[in-house]
PDB file of N, CA and C in Angstrom:
ATOM      1  N   MET A   1      -4.721   0.562  23.551  1.00  0.00           N
ATOM      2  CA  MET A   1      -3.776  -0.533  23.570  1.00  0.00           C
ATOM      3  C   MET A   1      -3.106  -0.586  24.938  1.00  0.00           C
ATOM      4  N   ARG A   2      -2.685  -1.774  25.302  1.00  0.00           N
ATOM      5  CA  ARG A   2      -2.023  -1.948  26.589  1.00  0.00           C
ATOM      6  C   ARG A   2      -0.633  -1.333  26.577  1.00  0.00           C
ATOM      7  N   PRO A   3      -0.186  -0.774  27.691  1.00  0.00           N
ATOM      8  CA  PRO A   3       1.195  -0.282  27.772  1.00  0.00           C
ATOM      9  C   PRO A   3       2.171  -1.401  27.405  1.00  0.00           C
ATOM     10  N   GLY A   4       3.181  -1.051  26.637  1.00  0.00           N
ATOM     11  CA  GLY A   4       4.155  -2.033  26.186  1.00  0.00           C
ATOM     12  C   GLY A   4       3.824  -2.637  24.837  1.00  0.00           C
ATOM     13  N   SER A   5       2.655  -2.327  24.301  1.00  0.00           N
ATOM     14  CA  SER A   5       2.278  -2.815  22.970  1.00  0.00           C
ATOM     15  C   SER A   5       3.098  -2.088  21.910  1.00  0.00           C
ATOM     16  N   ALA A   6       3.057  -2.613  20.704  1.00  0.00           N
ATOM     17  CA  ALA A   6       3.765  -1.984  19.590  1.00  0.00           C
ATOM     18  C   ALA A   6       2.850  -1.909  18.378  1.00  0.00           C
ATOM     19  N   ILE A   7       2.981  -0.815  17.641  1.00  0.00           N
ATOM     20  CA  ILE A   7       2.269  -0.625  16.380  1.00  0.00           C
ATOM     21  C   ILE A   7       3.316  -0.552  15.280  1.00  0.00           C
ATOM     22  N   VAL A   8       3.133  -1.334  14.220  1.00  0.00           N
ATOM     23  CA  VAL A   8       3.934  -1.221  13.013  1.00  0.00           C
ATOM     24  C   VAL A   8       2.954  -0.795  11.930  1.00  0.00           C
ATOM     25  N   ASP A   9       2.986   0.484  11.596  1.00  0.00           N
ATOM     26  CA  ASP A   9       2.021   1.043  10.652  1.00  0.00           C
ATOM     27  C   ASP A   9       2.578   0.952   9.232  1.00  0.00           C
ATOM     28  N   ILE A  10       2.217  -0.127   8.546  1.00  0.00           N
ATOM     29  CA  ILE A  10       2.736  -0.335   7.191  1.00  0.00           C
ATOM     30  C   ILE A  10       2.038   0.537   6.158  1.00  0.00           C
ATOM     31  N   ALA A  11       1.006   1.262   6.570  1.00  0.00           N
ATOM     32  CA  ALA A  11       0.281   2.147   5.653  1.00  0.00           C
ATOM     33  C   ALA A  11       0.707   3.603   5.818  1.00  0.00           C
ATOM     34  N   ILE A  12       1.822   3.845   6.482  1.00  0.00           N
ATOM     35  CA  ILE A  12       2.227   5.228   6.767  1.00  0.00           C
ATOM     36  C   ILE A  12       2.495   6.024   5.484  1.00  0.00           C
ATOM     37  N   ASP A  13       2.917   5.358   4.409  1.00  0.00           N
ATOM     38  CA  ASP A  13       3.140   6.064   3.137  1.00  0.00           C
ATOM     39  C   ASP A  13       1.854   6.658   2.576  1.00  0.00           C
ATOM     40  N   GLN A  14       0.710   6.103   2.970  1.00  0.00           N
ATOM     41  CA  GLN A  14      -0.590   6.603   2.519  1.00  0.00           C
ATOM     42  C   GLN A  14      -1.291   7.387   3.625  1.00  0.00           C
ATOM     43  N   GLY A  15      -0.552   7.819   4.631  1.00  0.00           N
ATOM     44  CA  GLY A  15      -1.123   8.611   5.710  1.00  0.00           C
ATOM     45  C   GLY A  15      -1.287   7.855   7.012  1.00  0.00           C
ATOM     46  N   GLY A  16      -1.056   6.569   6.994  1.00  0.00           N
ATOM     47  CA  GLY A  16      -1.136   5.779   8.217  1.00  0.00           C
ATOM     48  C   GLY A  16      -2.525   5.263   8.500  1.00  0.00           C
ATOM     49  N   CYS A  17      -2.584   4.315   9.427  1.00  0.00           N
ATOM     50  CA  CYS A  17      -3.880   3.716   9.770  1.00  0.00           C
ATOM     51  C   CYS A  17      -4.220   3.891  11.240  1.00  0.00           C
ATOM     52  N   CYS A  18      -3.393   4.585  11.981  1.00  0.00           N
ATOM     53  CA  CYS A  18      -3.659   4.815  13.407  1.00  0.00           C
ATOM     54  C   CYS A  18      -3.645   6.314  13.698  1.00  0.00           C
ATOM     55  N   GLU A  19      -4.484   6.710  14.614  1.00  0.00           N
ATOM     56  CA  GLU A  19      -4.598   8.130  14.965  1.00  0.00           C
ATOM     57  C   GLU A  19      -3.265   8.709  15.431  1.00  0.00           C
ATOM     58  N   THR A  20      -2.459   7.912  16.102  1.00  0.00           N
ATOM     59  CA  THR A  20      -1.208   8.412  16.669  1.00  0.00           C
ATOM     60  C   THR A  20      -0.008   8.189  15.756  1.00  0.00           C
ATOM     61  N   SER A  21      -0.215   7.727  14.540  1.00  0.00           N
ATOM     62  CA  SER A  21       0.890   7.469  13.610  1.00  0.00           C
ATOM     63  C   SER A  21       1.410   8.749  12.986  1.00  0.00           C
ATOM     64  N   ARG A  22       2.724   8.796  12.826  1.00  0.00           N
ATOM     65  CA  ARG A  22       3.395   9.846  12.057  1.00  0.00           C
ATOM     66  C   ARG A  22       4.630   9.212  11.441  1.00  0.00           C
ATOM     67  N   ALA A  23       4.985   9.639  10.253  1.00  0.00           N
ATOM     68  CA  ALA A  23       6.092   9.016   9.521  1.00  0.00           C
ATOM     69  C   ALA A  23       7.414   9.192  10.262  1.00  0.00           C
ATOM     70  N   THR A  24       8.212   8.115  10.275  1.00  0.00           N
ATOM     71  CA  THR A  24       9.557   8.149  10.840  1.00  0.00           C
ATOM     72  C   THR A  24      10.534   7.694   9.755  1.00  0.00           C
ATOM     73  N   THR A  25      11.791   7.572  10.120  1.00  0.00           N
ATOM     74  CA  THR A  25      12.824   7.173   9.161  1.00  0.00           C
ATOM     75  C   THR A  25      13.585   5.960   9.697  1.00  0.00           C
ATOM     76  N   HIS A  26      14.371   5.332   8.835  1.00  0.00           N
ATOM     77  CA  HIS A  26      15.205   4.217   9.288  1.00  0.00           C
ATOM     78  C   HIS A  26      16.237   4.706  10.302  1.00  0.00           C
ATOM     79  N   HIS A  27      16.653   5.958  10.191  1.00  0.00           N
ATOM     80  CA  HIS A  27      17.638   6.535  11.116  1.00  0.00           C
ATOM     81  C   HIS A  27      17.057   6.723  12.522  1.00  0.00           C
ATOM     82  N   ASP A  28      15.792   7.094  12.609  1.00  0.00           N
ATOM     83  CA  ASP A  28      15.117   7.328  13.892  1.00  0.00           C
ATOM     84  C   ASP A  28      13.723   6.701  13.806  1.00  0.00           C
ATOM     85  N   PRO A  29      13.635   5.363  13.901  1.00  0.00           N
ATOM     86  CA  PRO A  29      12.423   4.650  13.501  1.00  0.00           C
ATOM     87  C   PRO A  29      11.265   4.595  14.493  1.00  0.00           C
ATOM     88  N   ILE A  30      11.507   4.800  15.778  1.00  0.00           N
ATOM     89  CA  ILE A  30      10.420   4.596  16.744  1.00  0.00           C
ATOM     90  C   ILE A  30      10.159   5.831  17.594  1.00  0.00           C
ATOM     91  N   TYR A  31       8.954   5.874  18.134  1.00  0.00           N
ATOM     92  CA  TYR A  31       8.581   6.875  19.137  1.00  0.00           C
ATOM     93  C   TYR A  31       7.492   6.250  19.999  1.00  0.00           C
ATOM     94  N   HIS A  32       7.207   6.871  21.129  1.00  0.00           N
ATOM     95  CA  HIS A  32       6.228   6.332  22.079  1.00  0.00           C
ATOM     96  C   HIS A  32       5.067   7.309  22.259  1.00  0.00           C
ATOM     97  N   VAL A  33       3.867   6.788  22.295  1.00  0.00           N
ATOM     98  CA  VAL A  33       2.670   7.550  22.633  1.00  0.00           C
ATOM     99  C   VAL A  33       1.861   6.672  23.585  1.00  0.00           C
ATOM    100  N   ASN A  34       1.530   7.204  24.764  1.00  0.00           N
ATOM    101  CA  ASN A  34       0.751   6.463  25.762  1.00  0.00           C
ATOM    102  C   ASN A  34       1.351   5.090  26.055  1.00  0.00           C
ATOM    103  N   ASP A  35       2.666   5.050  26.205  1.00  0.00           N
ATOM    104  CA  ASP A  35       3.391   3.802  26.510  1.00  0.00           C
ATOM    105  C   ASP A  35       3.249   2.738  25.424  1.00  0.00           C
ATOM    106  N   VAL A  36       2.945   3.142  24.198  1.00  0.00           N
ATOM    107  CA  VAL A  36       2.880   2.231  23.051  1.00  0.00           C
ATOM    108  C   VAL A  36       3.998   2.624  22.091  1.00  0.00           C
ATOM    109  N   VAL A  37       4.812   1.652  21.699  1.00  0.00           N
ATOM    110  CA  VAL A  37       5.902   1.890  20.754  1.00  0.00           C
ATOM    111  C   VAL A  37       5.315   1.959  19.347  1.00  0.00           C
ATOM    112  N   HIS A  38       5.680   2.979  18.605  1.00  0.00           N
ATOM    113  CA  HIS A  38       5.232   3.156  17.220  1.00  0.00           C
ATOM    114  C   HIS A  38       6.429   3.012  16.293  1.00  0.00           C
ATOM    115  N   TYR A  39       6.285   2.183  15.273  1.00  0.00           N
ATOM    116  CA  TYR A  39       7.263   2.038  14.202  1.00  0.00           C
ATOM    117  C   TYR A  39       6.528   2.381  12.918  1.00  0.00           C
ATOM    118  N   CYS A  40       6.838   3.537  12.362  1.00  0.00           N
ATOM    119  CA  CYS A  40       6.093   4.046  11.201  1.00  0.00           C
ATOM    120  C   CYS A  40       7.059   4.534  10.131  1.00  0.00           C
ATOM    121  N   VAL A  41       7.989   3.683   9.750  1.00  0.00           N
ATOM    122  CA  VAL A  41       8.992   4.053   8.752  1.00  0.00           C
ATOM    123  C   VAL A  41       8.354   4.072   7.370  1.00  0.00           C
ATOM    124  N   ALA A  42       8.443   5.214   6.720  1.00  0.00           N
ATOM    125  CA  ALA A  42       7.951   5.322   5.352  1.00  0.00           C
ATOM    126  C   ALA A  42       8.876   4.520   4.442  1.00  0.00           C
ATOM    127  N   ASN A  43       8.309   3.928   3.416  1.00  0.00           N
ATOM    128  CA  ASN A  43       9.059   3.124   2.454  1.00  0.00           C
ATOM    129  C   ASN A  43       9.858   2.021   3.138  1.00  0.00           C
ATOM    130  N   MET A  44       9.188   1.211   3.945  1.00  0.00           N
ATOM    131  CA  MET A  44       9.864   0.092   4.619  1.00  0.00           C
ATOM    132  C   MET A  44      10.605  -0.821   3.646  1.00  0.00           C
ATOM    133  N   PRO A  45      10.052  -1.102   2.459  1.00  0.00           N
ATOM    134  CA  PRO A  45      10.792  -1.976   1.541  1.00  0.00           C
ATOM    135  C   PRO A  45      12.137  -1.400   1.108  1.00  0.00           C
ATOM    136  N   GLY A  46      12.325  -0.092   1.263  1.00  0.00           N
ATOM    137  CA  GLY A  46      13.595   0.532   0.900  1.00  0.00           C
ATOM    138  C   GLY A  46      14.772   0.006   1.702  1.00  0.00           C
ATOM    139  N   ALA A  47      14.509  -0.631   2.831  1.00  0.00           N
ATOM    140  CA  ALA A  47      15.585  -1.205   3.640  1.00  0.00           C
ATOM    141  C   ALA A  47      16.152  -2.456   2.981  1.00  0.00           C
ATOM    142  N   VAL A  48      15.362  -3.103   2.156  1.00  0.00           N
ATOM    143  CA  VAL A  48      15.790  -4.324   1.452  1.00  0.00           C
ATOM    144  C   VAL A  48      15.366  -4.213  -0.010  1.00  0.00           C
ATOM    145  N   PRO A  49      15.969  -3.297  -0.761  1.00  0.00           N
ATOM    146  CA  PRO A  49      15.473  -2.987  -2.111  1.00  0.00           C
ATOM    147  C   PRO A  49      15.513  -4.161  -3.077  1.00  0.00           C
ATOM    148  N   ARG A  50      16.556  -4.950  -3.049  1.00  0.00           N
ATOM    149  CA  ARG A  50      16.645  -6.072  -3.993  1.00  0.00           C
ATOM    150  C   ARG A  50      15.558  -7.106  -3.698  1.00  0.00           C
ATOM    151  N   THR A  51      15.440  -7.484  -2.431  1.00  0.00           N
ATOM    152  CA  THR A  51      14.442  -8.476  -2.029  1.00  0.00           C
ATOM    153  C   THR A  51      13.029  -7.972  -2.284  1.00  0.00           C
ATOM    154  N   SER A  52      12.764  -6.711  -1.947  1.00  0.00           N
ATOM    155  CA  SER A  52      11.409  -6.187  -2.140  1.00  0.00           C
ATOM    156  C   SER A  52      11.066  -6.062  -3.621  1.00  0.00           C
ATOM    157  N   THR A  53      12.053  -5.797  -4.460  1.00  0.00           N
ATOM    158  CA  THR A  53      11.801  -5.743  -5.903  1.00  0.00           C
ATOM    159  C   THR A  53      11.418  -7.119  -6.438  1.00  0.00           C
ATOM    160  N   TYR A  54      12.135  -8.147  -6.003  1.00  0.00           N
ATOM    161  CA  TYR A  54      11.779  -9.511  -6.417  1.00  0.00           C
ATOM    162  C   TYR A  54      10.377  -9.871  -5.932  1.00  0.00           C
ATOM    163  N   ALA A  55      10.063  -9.535  -4.696  1.00  0.00           N
ATOM    164  CA  ALA A  55       8.735  -9.859  -4.150  1.00  0.00           C
ATOM    165  C   ALA A  55       7.641  -9.160  -4.943  1.00  0.00           C
ATOM    166  N   LEU A  56       7.807  -7.862  -5.207  1.00  0.00           N
ATOM    167  CA  LEU A  56       6.804  -7.116  -5.964  1.00  0.00           C
ATOM    168  C   LEU A  56       6.656  -7.677  -7.382  1.00  0.00           C
ATOM    169  N   THR A  57       7.772  -7.971  -8.013  1.00  0.00           N
ATOM    170  CA  THR A  57       7.722  -8.531  -9.363  1.00  0.00           C
ATOM    171  C   THR A  57       7.011  -9.877  -9.383  1.00  0.00           C
ATOM    172  N   ASN A  58       7.327 -10.730  -8.421  1.00  0.00           N
ATOM    173  CA  ASN A  58       6.694 -12.053  -8.370  1.00  0.00           C
ATOM    174  C   ASN A  58       5.190 -11.951  -8.172  1.00  0.00           C
ATOM    175  N   VAL A  59       4.736 -10.957  -7.443  1.00  0.00           N
ATOM    176  CA  VAL A  59       3.309 -10.805  -7.177  1.00  0.00           C
ATOM    177  C   VAL A  59       2.590 -10.163  -8.365  1.00  0.00           C
ATOM    178  N   THR A  60       3.209  -9.216  -9.029  1.00  0.00           N
ATOM    179  CA  THR A  60       2.504  -8.444 -10.060  1.00  0.00           C
ATOM    180  C   THR A  60       2.686  -8.955 -11.491  1.00  0.00           C
ATOM    181  N   LEU A  61       3.736  -9.696 -11.762  1.00  0.00           N
ATOM    182  CA  LEU A  61       4.000 -10.127 -13.138  1.00  0.00           C
ATOM    183  C   LEU A  61       2.830 -10.905 -13.725  1.00  0.00           C
ATOM    184  N   GLY A  62       2.238 -11.800 -12.962  1.00  0.00           N
ATOM    185  CA  GLY A  62       1.108 -12.588 -13.458  1.00  0.00           C
ATOM    186  C   GLY A  62      -0.066 -11.727 -13.888  1.00  0.00           C
ATOM    187  N   PHE A  63      -0.322 -10.653 -13.142  1.00  0.00           N
ATOM    188  CA  PHE A  63      -1.417  -9.760 -13.512  1.00  0.00           C
ATOM    189  C   PHE A  63      -1.112  -9.039 -14.816  1.00  0.00           C
ATOM    190  N   GLY A  64       0.122  -8.575 -14.962  1.00  0.00           N
ATOM    191  CA  GLY A  64       0.511  -7.916 -16.205  1.00  0.00           C
ATOM    192  C   GLY A  64       0.398  -8.847 -17.403  1.00  0.00           C
ATOM    193  N   LEU A  65       0.822 -10.094 -17.223  1.00  0.00           N
ATOM    194  CA  LEU A  65       0.713 -11.073 -18.312  1.00  0.00           C
ATOM    195  C   LEU A  65      -0.745 -11.378 -18.637  1.00  0.00           C
ATOM    196  N   SER A  66      -1.593 -11.454 -17.618  1.00  0.00           N
ATOM    197  CA  SER A  66      -3.023 -11.694 -17.860  1.00  0.00           C
ATOM    198  C   SER A  66      -3.648 -10.546 -18.634  1.00  0.00           C
ATOM    199  N   ILE A  67      -3.296  -9.324 -18.286  1.00  0.00           N
ATOM    200  CA  ILE A  67      -3.819  -8.157 -19.007  1.00  0.00           C
ATOM    201  C   ILE A  67      -3.332  -8.183 -20.456  1.00  0.00           C
ATOM    202  N   ALA A  68      -2.056  -8.555 -20.663  1.00  0.00           N
ATOM    203  CA  ALA A  68      -1.520  -8.629 -22.024  1.00  0.00           C
ATOM    204  C   ALA A  68      -2.214  -9.724 -22.829  1.00  0.00           C
ATOM    205  N   ASP A  69      -2.470 -10.866 -22.209  1.00  0.00           N
ATOM    206  CA  ASP A  69      -3.098 -11.992 -22.917  1.00  0.00           C
ATOM    207  C   ASP A  69      -4.582 -11.764 -23.194  1.00  0.00           C
ATOM    208  N   LEU A  70      -5.297 -11.239 -22.205  1.00  0.00           N
ATOM    209  CA  LEU A  70      -6.753 -11.123 -22.311  1.00  0.00           C
ATOM    210  C   LEU A  70      -7.234  -9.771 -22.819  1.00  0.00           C
ATOM    211  N   GLY A  71      -6.398  -8.757 -22.688  1.00  0.00           N
ATOM    212  CA  GLY A  71      -6.840  -7.385 -22.929  1.00  0.00           C
ATOM    213  C   GLY A  71      -7.399  -6.822 -21.628  1.00  0.00           C
ATOM    214  N   VAL A  72      -7.399  -5.518 -21.520  1.00  0.00           N
ATOM    215  CA  VAL A  72      -7.811  -4.862 -20.276  1.00  0.00           C
ATOM    216  C   VAL A  72      -9.248  -5.215 -19.894  1.00  0.00           C
ATOM    217  N   ASP A  73     -10.191  -5.042 -20.805  1.00  0.00           N
ATOM    218  CA  ASP A  73     -11.605  -5.256 -20.466  1.00  0.00           C
ATOM    219  C   ASP A  73     -11.884  -6.680 -20.001  1.00  0.00           C
ATOM    220  N   ARG A  74     -11.358  -7.646 -20.717  1.00  0.00           N
ATOM    221  CA  ARG A  74     -11.620  -9.043 -20.355  1.00  0.00           C
ATOM    222  C   ARG A  74     -10.910  -9.419 -19.043  1.00  0.00           C
ATOM    223  N   ALA A  75      -9.698  -8.897 -18.837  1.00  0.00           N
ATOM    224  CA  ALA A  75      -8.970  -9.177 -17.593  1.00  0.00           C
ATOM    225  C   ALA A  75      -9.731  -8.624 -16.393  1.00  0.00           C
ATOM    226  N   ILE A  76     -10.279  -7.422 -16.523  1.00  0.00           N
ATOM    227  CA  ILE A  76     -11.072  -6.827 -15.451  1.00  0.00           C
ATOM    228  C   ILE A  76     -12.314  -7.672 -15.182  1.00  0.00           C
ATOM    229  N   GLU A  77     -12.935  -8.152 -16.239  1.00  0.00           N
ATOM    230  CA  GLU A  77     -14.155  -8.943 -16.113  1.00  0.00           C
ATOM    231  C   GLU A  77     -13.891 -10.318 -15.489  1.00  0.00           C
ATOM    232  N   GLU A  78     -12.784 -10.950 -15.876  1.00  0.00           N
ATOM    233  CA  GLU A  78     -12.542 -12.344 -15.482  1.00  0.00           C
ATOM    234  C   GLU A  78     -11.683 -12.530 -14.233  1.00  0.00           C
ATOM    235  N   ILE A  79     -10.915 -11.510 -13.844  1.00  0.00           N
ATOM    236  CA  ILE A  79      -9.980 -11.687 -12.726  1.00  0.00           C
ATOM    237  C   ILE A  79     -10.357 -10.725 -11.600  1.00  0.00           C
ATOM    238  N   PRO A  80     -10.984 -11.238 -10.546  1.00  0.00           N
ATOM    239  CA  PRO A  80     -11.457 -10.378  -9.451  1.00  0.00           C
ATOM    240  C   PRO A  80     -10.357  -9.502  -8.831  1.00  0.00           C
ATOM    241  N   ALA A  81      -9.144 -10.009  -8.701  1.00  0.00           N
ATOM    242  CA  ALA A  81      -8.067  -9.220  -8.087  1.00  0.00           C
ATOM    243  C   ALA A  81      -7.733  -7.989  -8.923  1.00  0.00           C
ATOM    244  N   ILE A  82      -7.775  -8.119 -10.228  1.00  0.00           N
ATOM    245  CA  ILE A  82      -7.526  -6.960 -11.097  1.00  0.00           C
ATOM    246  C   ILE A  82      -8.673  -5.972 -10.966  1.00  0.00           C
ATOM    247  N   ARG A  83      -9.883  -6.469 -10.962  1.00  0.00           N
ATOM    248  CA  ARG A  83     -11.058  -5.608 -10.813  1.00  0.00           C
ATOM    249  C   ARG A  83     -11.005  -4.846  -9.481  1.00  0.00           C
ATOM    250  N   LYS A  84     -10.647  -5.526  -8.405  1.00  0.00           N
ATOM    251  CA  LYS A  84     -10.588  -4.892  -7.078  1.00  0.00           C
ATOM    252  C   LYS A  84      -9.469  -3.856  -6.991  1.00  0.00           C
ATOM    253  N   GLY A  85      -8.421  -4.026  -7.788  1.00  0.00           N
ATOM    254  CA  GLY A  85      -7.301  -3.092  -7.751  1.00  0.00           C
ATOM    255  C   GLY A  85      -7.446  -1.909  -8.689  1.00  0.00           C
ATOM    256  N   LEU A  86      -8.560  -1.817  -9.369  1.00  0.00           N
ATOM    257  CA  LEU A  86      -8.786  -0.765 -10.356  1.00  0.00           C
ATOM    258  C   LEU A  86      -9.166   0.547  -9.679  1.00  0.00           C
ATOM    259  N   ASN A  87      -8.451   1.624  -9.987  1.00  0.00           N
ATOM    260  CA  ASN A  87      -8.764   2.948  -9.442  1.00  0.00           C
ATOM    261  C   ASN A  87      -9.447   3.845 -10.468  1.00  0.00           C
ATOM    262  N   LEU A  88      -9.019   3.748 -11.721  1.00  0.00           N
ATOM    263  CA  LEU A  88      -9.552   4.565 -12.808  1.00  0.00           C
ATOM    264  C   LEU A  88      -9.873   3.673 -13.996  1.00  0.00           C
ATOM    265  N   TYR A  89     -10.948   4.003 -14.694  1.00  0.00           N
ATOM    266  CA  TYR A  89     -11.309   3.207 -15.867  1.00  0.00           C
ATOM    267  C   TYR A  89     -12.085   4.086 -16.842  1.00  0.00           C
ATOM    268  N   HIS A  90     -11.626   4.140 -18.064  1.00  0.00           N
ATOM    269  CA  HIS A  90     -12.231   4.968 -19.109  1.00  0.00           C
ATOM    270  C   HIS A  90     -12.474   6.406 -18.630  1.00  0.00           C
ATOM    271  N   GLY A  91     -11.487   6.950 -17.947  1.00  0.00           N
ATOM    272  CA  GLY A  91     -11.549   8.335 -17.497  1.00  0.00           C
ATOM    273  C   GLY A  91     -12.367   8.578 -16.252  1.00  0.00           C
ATOM    274  N   GLY A  92     -12.928   7.537 -15.668  1.00  0.00           N
ATOM    275  CA  GLY A  92     -13.730   7.699 -14.457  1.00  0.00           C
ATOM    276  C   GLY A  92     -13.070   7.048 -13.254  1.00  0.00           C
ATOM    277  N   ILE A  93     -13.361   7.571 -12.086  1.00  0.00           N
ATOM    278  CA  ILE A  93     -12.831   7.021 -10.841  1.00  0.00           C
ATOM    279  C   ILE A  93     -13.702   5.838 -10.421  1.00  0.00           C
ATOM    280  N   THR A  94     -13.063   4.699 -10.172  1.00  0.00           N
ATOM    281  CA  THR A  94     -13.793   3.505  -9.749  1.00  0.00           C
ATOM    282  C   THR A  94     -13.613   3.231  -8.258  1.00  0.00           C
ATOM    283  N   TYR A  95     -12.647   3.881  -7.644  1.00  0.00           N
ATOM    284  CA  TYR A  95     -12.359   3.696  -6.212  1.00  0.00           C
ATOM    285  C   TYR A  95     -12.824   4.956  -5.483  1.00  0.00           C
ATOM    286  N   LYS A  96     -13.887   4.825  -4.705  1.00  0.00           N
ATOM    287  CA  LYS A  96     -14.538   5.991  -4.102  1.00  0.00           C
ATOM    288  C   LYS A  96     -13.641   6.840  -3.207  1.00  0.00           C
ATOM    289  N   ALA A  97     -12.639   6.223  -2.569  1.00  0.00           N
ATOM    290  CA  ALA A  97     -11.753   6.975  -1.671  1.00  0.00           C
ATOM    291  C   ALA A  97     -10.744   7.833  -2.418  1.00  0.00           C
ATOM    292  N   LEU A  98     -10.594   7.621  -3.713  1.00  0.00           N
ATOM    293  CA  LEU A  98      -9.665   8.400  -4.511  1.00  0.00           C
ATOM    294  C   LEU A  98     -10.190   9.833  -4.659  1.00  0.00           C
ATOM    295  N   PRO A  99      -9.355  10.832  -4.353  1.00  0.00           N
ATOM    296  CA  PRO A  99      -9.845  12.203  -4.461  1.00  0.00           C
ATOM    297  C   PRO A  99     -10.117  12.590  -5.917  1.00  0.00           C
ATOM    298  N   THR A 100     -11.143  13.395  -6.090  1.00  0.00           N
ATOM    299  CA  THR A 100     -11.447  13.897  -7.432  1.00  0.00           C
ATOM    300  C   THR A 100     -10.545  15.091  -7.721  1.00  0.00           C
ATOM    301  N   PRO A 101     -10.353  15.441  -8.981  1.00  0.00           N
ATOM    302  CA  PRO A 101      -9.460  16.553  -9.318  1.00  0.00           C
ATOM    303  C   PRO A 101      -9.824  17.872  -8.645  1.00  0.00           C
ATOM    304  N   SER A 102     -11.086  18.075  -8.289  1.00  0.00           N
ATOM    305  CA  SER A 102     -11.484  19.339  -7.669  1.00  0.00           C
ATOM    306  C   SER A 102     -11.170  19.395  -6.179  1.00  0.00           C
ATOM    307  N   GLU A 103     -10.797  18.255  -5.569  1.00  0.00           N
ATOM    308  CA  GLU A 103     -10.521  18.228  -4.127  1.00  0.00           C
ATOM    309  C   GLU A 103      -9.127  18.679  -3.828  1.00  0.00           C
TER     310      GLU A 103
END
């Protein structure tokens, strides 16, 4: 990256998405590596808890209602977003990046 660039690593709660990322806090949010500013605050939504709760609810409520209306199997079959978000199903891992219990 060019000097003066900035990285906002929103995946830092899951380990980050950049080689130079490390978790920071709202109290001390930034650091520099190779003249690139890094902002890697874990739990960024925690800065605006009420707003982030409304946003999460607005996005997920429809999926929960669809699962309740259709049942789990039919919702997975008919709604691609639910199928793509599935990590475990009938005791098996459906998301390959998820670690197995022996790891």
